């Protein structure tokens, strides 16, 4: 009688928080309009091998005030912990997660975007801009999509991490 293997599930939940560190300028607000929780349900062999993408999952509205047209600012992203923490005591490297942003309104087309290929618990710049305005962006999340960094062989668990988005002046 043939032996049947068991398929385990990896579930990842990323909880998004935002903050604005104001030194003097800019005065800014980040509003999550949709996609505040990012659930990855890795529940098939295909997803273990190829990863998952949540395309345009989160929509942010960023209001920047009190800046001259030549004054620059940046949107940073970082994780709360150095690893994804599992409910059953497992840890998973943050490097499996990547984040990209694109414009969702005309003002946001003027921003410079920098893909985050491997999430970190240190600040990484996702976008930079000049001056005041309302900038709407869409955020895409990936897990295990890099062919050199697949999830196959990782421990099944329910993993969590908080992601912080922050506006800083340059």
N, C-alpha and C. Protein backbone atom coordinates (compact mmCIF):
# COMPACT_ATOMS: atom_id res chain seq x y z
N UNK A 1 0.84 -1.17 0.00
CA UNK A 1 0.00 0.00 0.00
C UNK A 1 0.90 1.24 0.00
N UNK A 2 0.67 2.19 -0.93
CA UNK A 2 1.53 3.36 -1.00
C UNK A 2 1.31 4.29 0.19
N UNK A 3 2.38 4.94 0.59
CA UNK A 3 2.29 5.93 1.65
C UNK A 3 1.88 7.26 1.05
N UNK A 4 1.02 7.95 1.75
CA UNK A 4 0.59 9.27 1.30
C UNK A 4 1.22 10.33 2.19
N UNK A 5 1.81 11.33 1.57
CA UNK A 5 2.38 12.43 2.33
C UNK A 5 1.29 13.40 2.75
N UNK A 6 1.57 14.15 3.76
CA UNK A 6 0.63 15.17 4.23
C UNK A 6 1.08 16.52 3.70
N UNK A 7 0.13 17.31 3.29
CA UNK A 7 0.42 18.67 2.86
C UNK A 7 0.08 19.60 4.01
N UNK A 8 1.05 20.34 4.45
CA UNK A 8 0.85 21.28 5.54
C UNK A 8 0.60 22.66 4.98
N UNK A 9 -0.01 23.49 5.76
CA UNK A 9 -0.34 24.83 5.31
C UNK A 9 0.51 25.85 6.04
N UNK A 10 1.04 26.76 5.29
CA UNK A 10 1.69 27.93 5.87
C UNK A 10 0.72 29.08 5.70
N UNK A 11 0.39 29.73 6.76
CA UNK A 11 -0.48 30.90 6.68
C UNK A 11 0.30 32.08 7.23
N UNK A 12 0.33 33.13 6.49
CA UNK A 12 1.05 34.33 6.90
C UNK A 12 0.06 35.47 6.99
N UNK A 13 0.12 36.21 8.05
CA UNK A 13 -0.70 37.41 8.18
C UNK A 13 0.23 38.57 8.48
N UNK A 14 0.16 39.57 7.68
CA UNK A 14 0.92 40.79 7.91
C UNK A 14 -0.07 41.86 8.34
N UNK A 15 0.15 42.43 9.48
CA UNK A 15 -0.72 43.49 9.95
C UNK A 15 -0.02 44.82 9.69
N UNK A 16 -0.71 45.71 9.04
CA UNK A 16 -0.13 46.97 8.62
C UNK A 16 -0.48 48.07 9.62
N UNK A 17 0.53 48.80 10.01
CA UNK A 17 0.35 49.97 10.84
C UNK A 17 1.05 51.12 10.15
N UNK A 18 0.67 52.30 10.49
CA UNK A 18 1.35 53.44 9.90
C UNK A 18 1.64 54.44 11.00
N UNK A 19 2.64 55.21 10.77
CA UNK A 19 2.99 56.26 11.71
C UNK A 19 3.64 57.38 10.92
N UNK A 20 3.62 58.55 11.50
CA UNK A 20 4.26 59.69 10.87
C UNK A 20 5.20 60.29 11.90
N UNK A 21 6.47 60.24 11.62
CA UNK A 21 7.44 60.90 12.48
C UNK A 21 7.63 62.31 11.96
N UNK A 22 7.25 63.27 12.74
CA UNK A 22 7.36 64.66 12.31
C UNK A 22 8.47 65.31 13.11
N UNK A 23 9.51 65.68 12.43
CA UNK A 23 10.59 66.41 13.08
C UNK A 23 10.24 67.88 13.06
N UNK A 24 10.04 68.45 11.92
CA UNK A 24 9.48 69.79 11.80
C UNK A 24 8.51 69.79 10.62
N UNK A 25 8.94 69.23 9.54
CA UNK A 25 8.09 69.09 8.37
C UNK A 25 8.42 67.74 7.76
N UNK A 26 7.63 67.09 7.02
CA UNK A 26 6.30 67.53 6.60
C UNK A 26 5.24 67.16 7.64
N UNK A 27 4.14 67.88 7.56
CA UNK A 27 2.96 67.43 8.27
C UNK A 27 2.32 66.44 7.32
N UNK A 28 2.07 65.24 7.78
CA UNK A 28 1.58 64.22 6.87
C UNK A 28 0.62 63.26 7.54
N UNK A 29 -0.20 62.65 6.72
CA UNK A 29 -1.15 61.65 7.16
C UNK A 29 -1.11 60.50 6.16
N UNK A 30 -1.04 59.28 6.67
CA UNK A 30 -1.18 58.10 5.82
C UNK A 30 -2.52 57.47 6.19
N UNK A 31 -3.35 57.28 5.21
CA UNK A 31 -4.64 56.64 5.45
C UNK A 31 -4.71 55.36 4.63
N UNK A 32 -4.97 54.25 5.33
CA UNK A 32 -5.16 52.98 4.63
C UNK A 32 -6.60 52.93 4.17
N UNK A 33 -6.81 52.95 2.88
CA UNK A 33 -8.16 52.93 2.33
C UNK A 33 -8.67 51.52 2.12
N UNK A 34 -7.77 50.58 1.88
CA UNK A 34 -8.15 49.17 1.77
C UNK A 34 -6.90 48.32 1.95
N UNK A 35 -7.10 47.06 2.35
CA UNK A 35 -5.99 46.12 2.46
C UNK A 35 -5.13 46.30 3.68
N UNK A 36 -5.74 46.56 4.85
CA UNK A 36 -4.98 46.75 6.08
C UNK A 36 -4.41 45.46 6.65
N UNK A 37 -4.97 44.33 6.29
CA UNK A 37 -4.46 43.02 6.70
C UNK A 37 -4.05 42.28 5.43
N UNK A 38 -2.91 41.62 5.48
CA UNK A 38 -2.38 40.98 4.29
C UNK A 38 -2.29 39.48 4.55
N UNK A 39 -3.27 38.71 4.11
CA UNK A 39 -3.24 37.26 4.38
C UNK A 39 -2.63 36.47 3.22
N UNK A 40 -1.60 35.73 3.51
CA UNK A 40 -1.06 34.78 2.55
C UNK A 40 -1.48 33.38 3.02
N UNK A 41 -2.24 32.68 2.23
CA UNK A 41 -2.63 31.31 2.55
C UNK A 41 -1.90 30.38 1.59
N UNK A 42 -0.77 29.87 2.04
CA UNK A 42 0.04 28.98 1.22
C UNK A 42 -0.49 27.57 1.47
N UNK A 43 -1.40 27.14 0.60
CA UNK A 43 -2.14 25.89 0.85
C UNK A 43 -2.11 24.93 -0.33
N UNK A 44 -1.09 25.04 -1.16
CA UNK A 44 -0.94 24.09 -2.26
C UNK A 44 0.55 23.96 -2.59
N UNK A 45 0.89 22.86 -3.21
CA UNK A 45 2.28 22.64 -3.60
C UNK A 45 2.73 23.71 -4.59
N UNK A 46 1.84 24.14 -5.45
CA UNK A 46 2.14 25.20 -6.41
C UNK A 46 2.55 26.49 -5.68
N UNK A 47 1.82 26.85 -4.63
CA UNK A 47 2.15 28.06 -3.88
C UNK A 47 3.45 27.91 -3.10
N UNK A 48 3.76 26.70 -2.63
CA UNK A 48 5.03 26.46 -1.97
C UNK A 48 6.19 26.67 -2.94
N UNK A 49 6.01 26.23 -4.18
CA UNK A 49 7.07 26.31 -5.18
C UNK A 49 7.16 27.67 -5.87
N UNK A 50 6.04 28.29 -6.14
CA UNK A 50 6.04 29.53 -6.91
C UNK A 50 5.74 30.77 -6.09
N UNK A 51 5.29 30.60 -4.84
CA UNK A 51 4.97 31.73 -4.01
C UNK A 51 3.60 32.30 -4.34
N UNK A 52 3.33 33.45 -3.77
CA UNK A 52 2.04 34.11 -3.97
C UNK A 52 2.24 35.61 -4.15
N UNK A 53 1.34 36.21 -4.92
CA UNK A 53 1.33 37.66 -5.09
C UNK A 53 -0.06 38.17 -4.77
N UNK A 54 -0.11 39.22 -3.97
CA UNK A 54 -1.36 39.92 -3.71
C UNK A 54 -1.23 41.28 -4.40
N UNK A 55 -1.65 41.30 -5.66
CA UNK A 55 -1.45 42.43 -6.55
C UNK A 55 -2.36 43.59 -6.16
N UNK A 56 -1.76 44.77 -5.96
CA UNK A 56 -2.50 45.99 -5.61
C UNK A 56 -3.42 45.76 -4.41
N UNK A 57 -2.93 45.04 -3.42
CA UNK A 57 -3.74 44.62 -2.28
C UNK A 57 -4.13 45.78 -1.36
N UNK A 58 -3.17 46.66 -1.07
CA UNK A 58 -3.44 47.80 -0.19
C UNK A 58 -3.48 49.08 -1.00
N UNK A 59 -4.37 49.98 -0.59
CA UNK A 59 -4.45 51.30 -1.21
C UNK A 59 -4.26 52.34 -0.10
N UNK A 60 -3.24 53.18 -0.28
CA UNK A 60 -2.92 54.23 0.68
C UNK A 60 -3.20 55.58 0.07
N UNK A 61 -3.63 56.49 0.91
CA UNK A 61 -3.73 57.90 0.56
C UNK A 61 -2.77 58.63 1.49
N UNK A 62 -1.81 59.33 0.92
CA UNK A 62 -0.80 60.04 1.70
C UNK A 62 -0.99 61.53 1.48
N UNK A 63 -1.26 62.24 2.57
CA UNK A 63 -1.42 63.69 2.52
C UNK A 63 -0.17 64.32 3.08
N UNK A 64 0.52 65.12 2.28
CA UNK A 64 1.71 65.85 2.70
C UNK A 64 1.37 67.33 2.66
N UNK A 65 1.59 68.01 3.77
CA UNK A 65 1.30 69.44 3.85
C UNK A 65 2.54 70.19 4.29
N UNK A 66 2.51 71.49 4.09
CA UNK A 66 3.54 72.41 4.61
C UNK A 66 4.92 72.22 4.02
N UNK A 67 4.99 71.74 2.79
CA UNK A 67 6.29 71.62 2.13
C UNK A 67 6.32 72.49 0.88
N UNK A 68 7.46 73.11 0.64
CA UNK A 68 7.66 73.82 -0.62
C UNK A 68 7.84 72.80 -1.73
N UNK A 69 7.66 73.22 -2.95
CA UNK A 69 7.73 72.31 -4.10
C UNK A 69 9.08 71.60 -4.21
N UNK A 70 10.16 72.20 -3.72
CA UNK A 70 11.49 71.59 -3.83
C UNK A 70 11.86 70.75 -2.61
N UNK A 71 11.03 70.75 -1.56
CA UNK A 71 11.33 69.98 -0.35
C UNK A 71 10.97 68.52 -0.56
N UNK A 72 11.85 67.63 -0.14
CA UNK A 72 11.64 66.20 -0.37
C UNK A 72 11.20 65.47 0.90
N UNK A 73 10.55 64.34 0.68
CA UNK A 73 10.10 63.46 1.75
C UNK A 73 10.19 62.03 1.25
N UNK A 74 10.07 61.08 2.17
CA UNK A 74 10.14 59.67 1.78
C UNK A 74 9.15 58.85 2.60
N UNK A 75 8.68 57.78 1.98
CA UNK A 75 7.82 56.79 2.62
C UNK A 75 8.69 55.58 2.90
N UNK A 76 8.80 55.23 4.19
CA UNK A 76 9.62 54.08 4.58
C UNK A 76 8.72 52.94 5.05
N UNK A 77 9.25 51.73 4.96
CA UNK A 77 8.55 50.54 5.43
C UNK A 77 9.53 49.70 6.24
N UNK A 78 9.04 49.10 7.33
CA UNK A 78 9.84 48.19 8.12
C UNK A 78 8.94 47.23 8.88
N UNK A 79 9.48 46.08 9.24
CA UNK A 79 8.74 45.08 10.01
C UNK A 79 9.01 45.28 11.49
N UNK A 80 8.06 44.83 12.32
CA UNK A 80 8.19 45.00 13.77
C UNK A 80 9.21 44.06 14.39
N UNK A 81 9.49 42.94 13.75
CA UNK A 81 10.38 41.92 14.30
C UNK A 81 11.39 41.50 13.25
N UNK A 82 12.49 40.88 13.66
CA UNK A 82 13.50 40.44 12.69
C UNK A 82 13.08 39.21 11.89
N UNK A 83 12.01 38.53 12.32
CA UNK A 83 11.50 37.35 11.60
C UNK A 83 9.98 37.35 11.66
N UNK A 84 9.37 36.53 10.81
CA UNK A 84 7.95 36.23 10.96
C UNK A 84 7.85 35.25 12.12
N UNK A 85 6.99 35.53 13.08
CA UNK A 85 6.88 34.71 14.28
C UNK A 85 5.68 33.79 14.14
N UNK A 86 5.89 32.49 14.37
CA UNK A 86 4.83 31.51 14.25
C UNK A 86 4.14 31.23 15.56
N UNK A 87 2.86 30.87 15.48
CA UNK A 87 2.09 30.50 16.68
C UNK A 87 2.66 29.28 17.39
N UNK A 88 3.29 28.38 16.65
CA UNK A 88 3.79 27.13 17.23
C UNK A 88 5.29 27.15 17.44
N UNK A 89 5.86 28.34 17.60
CA UNK A 89 7.28 28.46 17.94
C UNK A 89 8.24 28.51 16.78
N UNK A 90 7.75 28.49 15.56
CA UNK A 90 8.65 28.58 14.40
C UNK A 90 8.88 30.03 14.02
N UNK A 91 10.00 30.28 13.40
CA UNK A 91 10.31 31.59 12.82
C UNK A 91 10.57 31.41 11.34
N UNK A 92 10.30 32.45 10.58
CA UNK A 92 10.52 32.43 9.14
C UNK A 92 11.19 33.73 8.76
N UNK A 93 12.16 33.66 7.89
CA UNK A 93 12.93 34.82 7.47
C UNK A 93 12.03 35.85 6.78
N UNK A 94 12.22 37.13 7.12
CA UNK A 94 11.47 38.22 6.47
C UNK A 94 11.80 38.34 4.99
N UNK A 95 12.96 37.83 4.58
CA UNK A 95 13.41 37.95 3.20
C UNK A 95 12.50 37.28 2.18
N UNK A 96 11.58 36.45 2.62
CA UNK A 96 10.61 35.84 1.70
C UNK A 96 9.60 36.87 1.18
N UNK A 97 9.44 37.98 1.90
CA UNK A 97 8.41 38.96 1.55
C UNK A 97 9.02 40.12 0.79
N UNK A 98 8.37 40.50 -0.32
CA UNK A 98 8.75 41.68 -1.07
C UNK A 98 7.54 42.60 -1.21
N UNK A 99 7.81 43.88 -1.36
CA UNK A 99 6.76 44.90 -1.42
C UNK A 99 7.09 45.88 -2.53
N UNK A 100 6.09 46.20 -3.35
CA UNK A 100 6.26 47.23 -4.37
C UNK A 100 5.07 48.19 -4.32
N UNK A 101 5.28 49.37 -4.84
CA UNK A 101 4.22 50.39 -4.86
C UNK A 101 4.14 50.99 -6.26
N UNK A 102 2.92 51.39 -6.64
CA UNK A 102 2.70 52.11 -7.91
C UNK A 102 1.70 53.23 -7.66
N UNK A 103 1.66 54.16 -8.58
CA UNK A 103 0.75 55.31 -8.48
C UNK A 103 -0.69 54.89 -8.71
N UNK A 104 -1.60 55.56 -7.98
CA UNK A 104 -3.03 55.34 -8.17
C UNK A 104 -3.76 56.64 -8.48
N UNK A 105 -3.03 57.76 -8.49
CA UNK A 105 -3.61 59.02 -8.95
C UNK A 105 -2.53 59.82 -9.66
N UNK A 106 -2.92 60.89 -10.29
CA UNK A 106 -2.00 61.70 -11.10
C UNK A 106 -0.84 62.24 -10.27
N UNK A 107 -1.11 62.73 -9.07
CA UNK A 107 -0.05 63.28 -8.22
C UNK A 107 0.99 62.22 -7.87
N UNK A 108 0.55 60.98 -7.64
CA UNK A 108 1.47 59.91 -7.26
C UNK A 108 2.37 59.46 -8.41
N UNK A 109 2.04 59.83 -9.63
CA UNK A 109 2.90 59.50 -10.77
C UNK A 109 4.21 60.26 -10.72
N UNK A 110 4.28 61.33 -9.94
CA UNK A 110 5.51 62.12 -9.81
C UNK A 110 6.47 61.53 -8.78
N UNK A 111 6.03 60.53 -8.02
CA UNK A 111 6.88 59.92 -7.00
C UNK A 111 7.90 58.98 -7.63
N UNK A 112 9.00 58.76 -6.92
CA UNK A 112 9.99 57.75 -7.31
C UNK A 112 9.74 56.53 -6.44
N UNK A 113 9.68 55.35 -7.07
CA UNK A 113 9.36 54.12 -6.35
C UNK A 113 10.57 53.19 -6.33
N UNK A 114 10.75 52.52 -5.19
CA UNK A 114 11.87 51.61 -4.98
C UNK A 114 11.32 50.29 -4.46
N UNK A 115 11.37 49.23 -5.25
CA UNK A 115 10.84 47.95 -4.76
C UNK A 115 11.67 47.43 -3.58
N UNK A 116 10.98 46.86 -2.62
CA UNK A 116 11.62 46.22 -1.47
C UNK A 116 11.68 44.74 -1.80
N UNK A 117 12.85 44.24 -2.15
CA UNK A 117 12.98 42.84 -2.56
C UNK A 117 12.98 41.88 -1.38
N UNK A 118 13.44 42.34 -0.24
CA UNK A 118 13.44 41.52 0.97
C UNK A 118 13.08 42.42 2.14
N UNK A 119 11.92 42.18 2.73
CA UNK A 119 11.47 42.95 3.87
C UNK A 119 12.48 42.82 5.01
N UNK A 120 12.62 43.88 5.79
CA UNK A 120 13.58 43.92 6.88
C UNK A 120 12.94 44.62 8.08
N UNK A 121 13.53 44.45 9.26
CA UNK A 121 13.05 45.21 10.41
C UNK A 121 13.78 46.53 10.55
N UNK A 122 14.59 46.86 9.56
CA UNK A 122 15.20 48.18 9.46
C UNK A 122 14.46 48.99 8.40
N UNK A 123 14.42 50.31 8.53
CA UNK A 123 13.68 51.12 7.57
C UNK A 123 14.25 51.01 6.15
N UNK A 124 13.34 50.86 5.18
CA UNK A 124 13.69 50.82 3.77
C UNK A 124 12.78 51.81 3.04
N UNK A 125 13.33 52.54 2.11
CA UNK A 125 12.56 53.54 1.37
C UNK A 125 11.75 52.87 0.27
N UNK A 126 10.43 53.10 0.30
CA UNK A 126 9.53 52.56 -0.71
C UNK A 126 9.21 53.60 -1.78
N UNK A 127 9.13 54.87 -1.38
CA UNK A 127 8.84 55.94 -2.34
C UNK A 127 9.39 57.26 -1.82
N UNK A 128 9.73 58.15 -2.75
CA UNK A 128 10.15 59.50 -2.40
C UNK A 128 9.36 60.49 -3.23
N UNK A 129 9.20 61.68 -2.70
CA UNK A 129 8.46 62.70 -3.42
C UNK A 129 8.92 64.09 -3.06
N UNK A 130 8.40 65.05 -3.81
CA UNK A 130 8.70 66.46 -3.59
C UNK A 130 7.40 67.22 -3.32
N UNK A 131 7.47 68.14 -2.37
CA UNK A 131 6.36 69.05 -2.14
C UNK A 131 5.14 68.42 -1.51
N UNK A 132 4.12 69.26 -1.40
CA UNK A 132 2.85 68.88 -0.79
C UNK A 132 1.93 68.25 -1.81
N UNK A 133 0.89 67.57 -1.29
CA UNK A 133 -0.12 66.99 -2.17
C UNK A 133 -0.78 65.78 -1.54
N UNK A 134 -1.73 65.24 -2.28
CA UNK A 134 -2.38 64.00 -1.89
C UNK A 134 -1.93 62.94 -2.89
N UNK A 135 -1.24 61.92 -2.39
CA UNK A 135 -0.65 60.89 -3.22
C UNK A 135 -1.32 59.56 -2.90
N UNK A 136 -1.97 58.97 -3.87
CA UNK A 136 -2.61 57.67 -3.68
C UNK A 136 -1.75 56.61 -4.34
N UNK A 137 -1.40 55.59 -3.57
CA UNK A 137 -0.56 54.52 -4.10
C UNK A 137 -1.19 53.16 -3.83
N UNK A 138 -0.82 52.21 -4.66
CA UNK A 138 -1.24 50.81 -4.51
C UNK A 138 -0.02 49.98 -4.13
N UNK A 139 -0.20 49.09 -3.16
CA UNK A 139 0.89 48.26 -2.65
C UNK A 139 0.64 46.80 -3.04
N UNK A 140 1.66 46.17 -3.61
CA UNK A 140 1.63 44.75 -3.95
C UNK A 140 2.58 44.01 -3.02
N UNK A 141 2.13 42.88 -2.49
CA UNK A 141 2.92 42.04 -1.59
C UNK A 141 3.18 40.70 -2.26
N UNK A 142 4.39 40.19 -2.11
CA UNK A 142 4.77 38.87 -2.62
C UNK A 142 5.40 38.08 -1.49
N UNK A 143 5.22 36.77 -1.55
CA UNK A 143 5.92 35.89 -0.62
C UNK A 143 6.41 34.66 -1.39
N UNK A 144 7.71 34.37 -1.26
CA UNK A 144 8.28 33.18 -1.88
C UNK A 144 8.26 33.17 -3.39
N UNK A 145 8.22 34.34 -4.04
CA UNK A 145 8.17 34.38 -5.50
C UNK A 145 9.55 34.40 -6.15
N UNK A 146 10.58 34.67 -5.38
CA UNK A 146 11.94 34.64 -5.91
C UNK A 146 12.34 33.18 -6.11
N UNK A 147 12.70 32.76 -7.33
CA UNK A 147 13.04 31.35 -7.57
C UNK A 147 14.15 30.81 -6.66
N UNK A 148 15.02 31.67 -6.19
CA UNK A 148 16.09 31.24 -5.29
C UNK A 148 15.68 31.22 -3.83
N UNK A 149 14.43 31.54 -3.55
CA UNK A 149 13.98 31.68 -2.17
C UNK A 149 12.56 31.14 -2.03
N UNK A 150 12.35 29.85 -2.35
CA UNK A 150 11.01 29.28 -2.32
C UNK A 150 10.67 28.77 -0.92
N UNK A 151 9.40 28.60 -0.65
CA UNK A 151 8.91 28.22 0.68
C UNK A 151 8.94 26.71 0.95
N UNK A 152 9.11 25.92 -0.10
CA UNK A 152 9.11 24.47 0.07
C UNK A 152 10.17 24.05 1.09
N UNK A 153 9.75 23.29 2.08
CA UNK A 153 10.65 22.84 3.13
C UNK A 153 10.56 23.64 4.41
N UNK A 154 9.84 24.76 4.38
CA UNK A 154 9.67 25.55 5.59
C UNK A 154 8.61 24.92 6.49
N UNK A 155 8.72 25.18 7.79
CA UNK A 155 7.79 24.61 8.75
C UNK A 155 6.39 25.21 8.62
N UNK A 156 5.37 24.39 8.64
CA UNK A 156 4.01 24.91 8.61
C UNK A 156 3.69 25.60 9.94
N UNK A 157 2.98 26.70 9.87
CA UNK A 157 2.64 27.46 11.06
C UNK A 157 1.75 28.61 10.65
N UNK A 158 1.25 29.34 11.61
CA UNK A 158 0.54 30.59 11.37
C UNK A 158 1.49 31.70 11.76
N UNK A 159 2.07 32.35 10.77
CA UNK A 159 3.10 33.35 10.99
C UNK A 159 2.51 34.75 10.98
N UNK A 160 3.08 35.62 11.80
CA UNK A 160 2.60 37.00 11.89
C UNK A 160 3.78 37.96 11.97
N UNK A 161 3.56 39.15 11.45
CA UNK A 161 4.49 40.26 11.64
C UNK A 161 3.71 41.54 11.38
N UNK A 162 4.09 42.60 12.04
CA UNK A 162 3.49 43.91 11.78
C UNK A 162 4.41 44.67 10.84
N UNK A 163 3.79 45.39 9.92
CA UNK A 163 4.55 46.21 8.99
C UNK A 163 4.19 47.67 9.26
N UNK A 164 5.22 48.49 9.40
CA UNK A 164 5.02 49.91 9.66
C UNK A 164 5.39 50.72 8.42
N UNK A 165 4.55 51.66 8.08
CA UNK A 165 4.83 52.63 7.03
C UNK A 165 4.99 53.98 7.71
N UNK A 166 5.99 54.73 7.30
CA UNK A 166 6.35 55.96 7.99
C UNK A 166 6.73 57.03 6.96
N UNK A 167 6.33 58.26 7.21
CA UNK A 167 6.72 59.39 6.37
C UNK A 167 7.82 60.15 7.09
N UNK A 168 8.89 60.46 6.38
CA UNK A 168 9.99 61.24 6.96
C UNK A 168 10.42 62.31 5.97
N UNK A 169 10.86 63.43 6.51
CA UNK A 169 11.40 64.49 5.65
C UNK A 169 12.87 64.26 5.44
N UNK A 170 13.38 64.73 4.31
CA UNK A 170 14.81 64.60 4.01
C UNK A 170 15.56 65.83 4.41
